[in-house]
Amino acid sequence: MARELYNWDQLKAYSIIALHNLESKNIKINKQNFVRELDTLQTMYGKEGAIGIANRYLNQTK
């Protein structure tokens, strides 16, 4: 898998999705689980799509 560069908004979006996924699976949130979940997201969501999904998750919690 090639390395890609991400801007801050994209990094934040992928992080929000990873945390949401861990919480919804009732998996203990720790560094290893977070990195494992985050790594899978690179192939699941495009950069711009991830931002939209993250915003949707954030709006659900307001």
C-alpha atoms as a PDB file:
ATOM      1  CA  MET A   1       0.000   0.000   0.000  1.00  0.00           C
ATOM      2  CA  ALA A   2       1.433   3.354  -1.011  1.00  0.00           C
ATOM      3  CA  ARG A   3       1.837   6.080   1.570  1.00  0.00           C
ATOM      4  CA  GLU A   4      -0.498   9.011   1.138  1.00  0.00           C
ATOM      5  CA  LEU A   5      -0.365  12.512   2.541  1.00  0.00           C
ATOM      6  CA  TYR A   6      -3.356  13.788   4.478  1.00  0.00           C
ATOM      7  CA  ASN A   7      -4.309  17.252   5.599  1.00  0.00           C
ATOM      8  CA  TRP A   8      -5.386  17.970   9.163  1.00  0.00           C
ATOM      9  CA  ASP A   9      -9.128  17.807   8.405  1.00  0.00           C
ATOM     10  CA  GLN A  10      -8.739  14.383   6.811  1.00  0.00           C
ATOM     11  CA  LEU A  11      -6.651  13.085   9.717  1.00  0.00           C
ATOM     12  CA  LYS A  12      -9.228  14.350  12.184  1.00  0.00           C
ATOM     13  CA  ALA A  13     -12.039  12.769  10.173  1.00  0.00           C
ATOM     14  CA  TYR A  14     -10.385   9.338  10.065  1.00  0.00           C
ATOM     15  CA  SER A  15      -9.726   9.568  13.815  1.00  0.00           C
ATOM     16  CA  ILE A  16     -13.360  10.401  14.571  1.00  0.00           C
ATOM     17  CA  ILE A  17     -14.550   7.471  12.450  1.00  0.00           C
ATOM     18  CA  ALA A  18     -12.106   5.100  14.172  1.00  0.00           C
ATOM     19  CA  LEU A  19     -13.293   6.198  17.624  1.00  0.00           C
ATOM     20  CA  HIS A  20     -16.927   5.902  16.564  1.00  0.00           C
ATOM     21  CA  ASN A  21     -16.316   2.377  15.253  1.00  0.00           C
ATOM     22  CA  LEU A  22     -14.586   1.277  18.464  1.00  0.00           C
ATOM     23  CA  GLU A  23     -17.360   2.725  20.609  1.00  0.00           C
ATOM     24  CA  SER A  24     -20.106   1.129  18.508  1.00  0.00           C
ATOM     25  CA  LYS A  25     -18.364  -2.269  18.731  1.00  0.00           C
ATOM     26  CA  ASN A  26     -17.966  -1.856  22.512  1.00  0.00           C
ATOM     27  CA  ILE A  27     -14.223  -2.371  22.162  1.00  0.00           C
ATOM     28  CA  LYS A  28     -11.997  -0.904  24.848  1.00  0.00           C
ATOM     29  CA  ILE A  29     -10.398   2.229  23.480  1.00  0.00           C
ATOM     30  CA  ASN A  30      -6.638   2.037  23.825  1.00  0.00           C
ATOM     31  CA  LYS A  31      -3.733   2.935  21.571  1.00  0.00           C
ATOM     32  CA  GLN A  32      -3.399  -0.481  19.935  1.00  0.00           C
ATOM     33  CA  ASN A  33      -7.097  -0.836  19.163  1.00  0.00           C
ATOM     34  CA  PHE A  34      -7.251   2.736  17.896  1.00  0.00           C
ATOM     35  CA  VAL A  35      -4.311   2.299  15.500  1.00  0.00           C
ATOM     36  CA  ARG A  36      -5.674  -1.053  14.284  1.00  0.00           C
ATOM     37  CA  GLU A  37      -9.066   0.501  13.552  1.00  0.00           C
ATOM     38  CA  LEU A  38      -7.509   3.574  11.966  1.00  0.00           C
ATOM     39  CA  ASP A  39      -5.353   1.497   9.604  1.00  0.00           C
ATOM     40  CA  THR A  40      -8.399  -0.262   8.144  1.00  0.00           C
ATOM     41  CA  LEU A  41     -10.097   3.023   7.270  1.00  0.00           C
ATOM     42  CA  GLN A  42      -7.566   4.057   4.629  1.00  0.00           C
ATOM     43  CA  THR A  43      -8.940   1.537   2.160  1.00  0.00           C
ATOM     44  CA  MET A  44     -12.571   1.850   3.248  1.00  0.00           C
ATOM     45  CA  TYR A  45     -13.156   5.579   2.790  1.00  0.00           C
ATOM     46  CA  GLY A  46     -11.833   8.199   0.407  1.00  0.00           C
ATOM     47  CA  LYS A  47     -10.325  11.321   1.902  1.00  0.00           C
ATOM     48  CA  GLU A  48     -13.251  13.632   1.187  1.00  0.00           C
ATOM     49  CA  GLY A  49     -15.839  10.979   2.011  1.00  0.00           C
ATOM     50  CA  ALA A  50     -14.283  10.472   5.414  1.00  0.00           C
ATOM     51  CA  ILE A  51     -14.776  14.131   6.265  1.00  0.00           C
ATOM     52  CA  GLY A  52     -18.490  13.908   5.474  1.00  0.00           C
ATOM     53  CA  ILE A  53     -18.960  10.751   7.522  1.00  0.00           C
ATOM     54  CA  ALA A  54     -17.049  12.212  10.470  1.00  0.00           C
ATOM     55  CA  ASN A  55     -19.209  15.345  10.385  1.00  0.00           C
ATOM     56  CA  ARG A  56     -22.311  13.153  10.392  1.00  0.00           C
ATOM     57  CA  TYR A  57     -21.040  11.254  13.468  1.00  0.00           C
ATOM     58  CA  LEU A  58     -20.224  14.514  15.243  1.00  0.00           C
ATOM     59  CA  ASN A  59     -23.665  15.933  14.505  1.00  0.00           C
ATOM     60  CA  GLN A  60     -25.319  12.799  15.918  1.00  0.00           C
ATOM     61  CA  THR A  61     -23.717  13.429  19.309  1.00  0.00           C
ATOM     62  CA  LYS A  62     -24.825  17.082  19.619  1.00  0.00           C
END
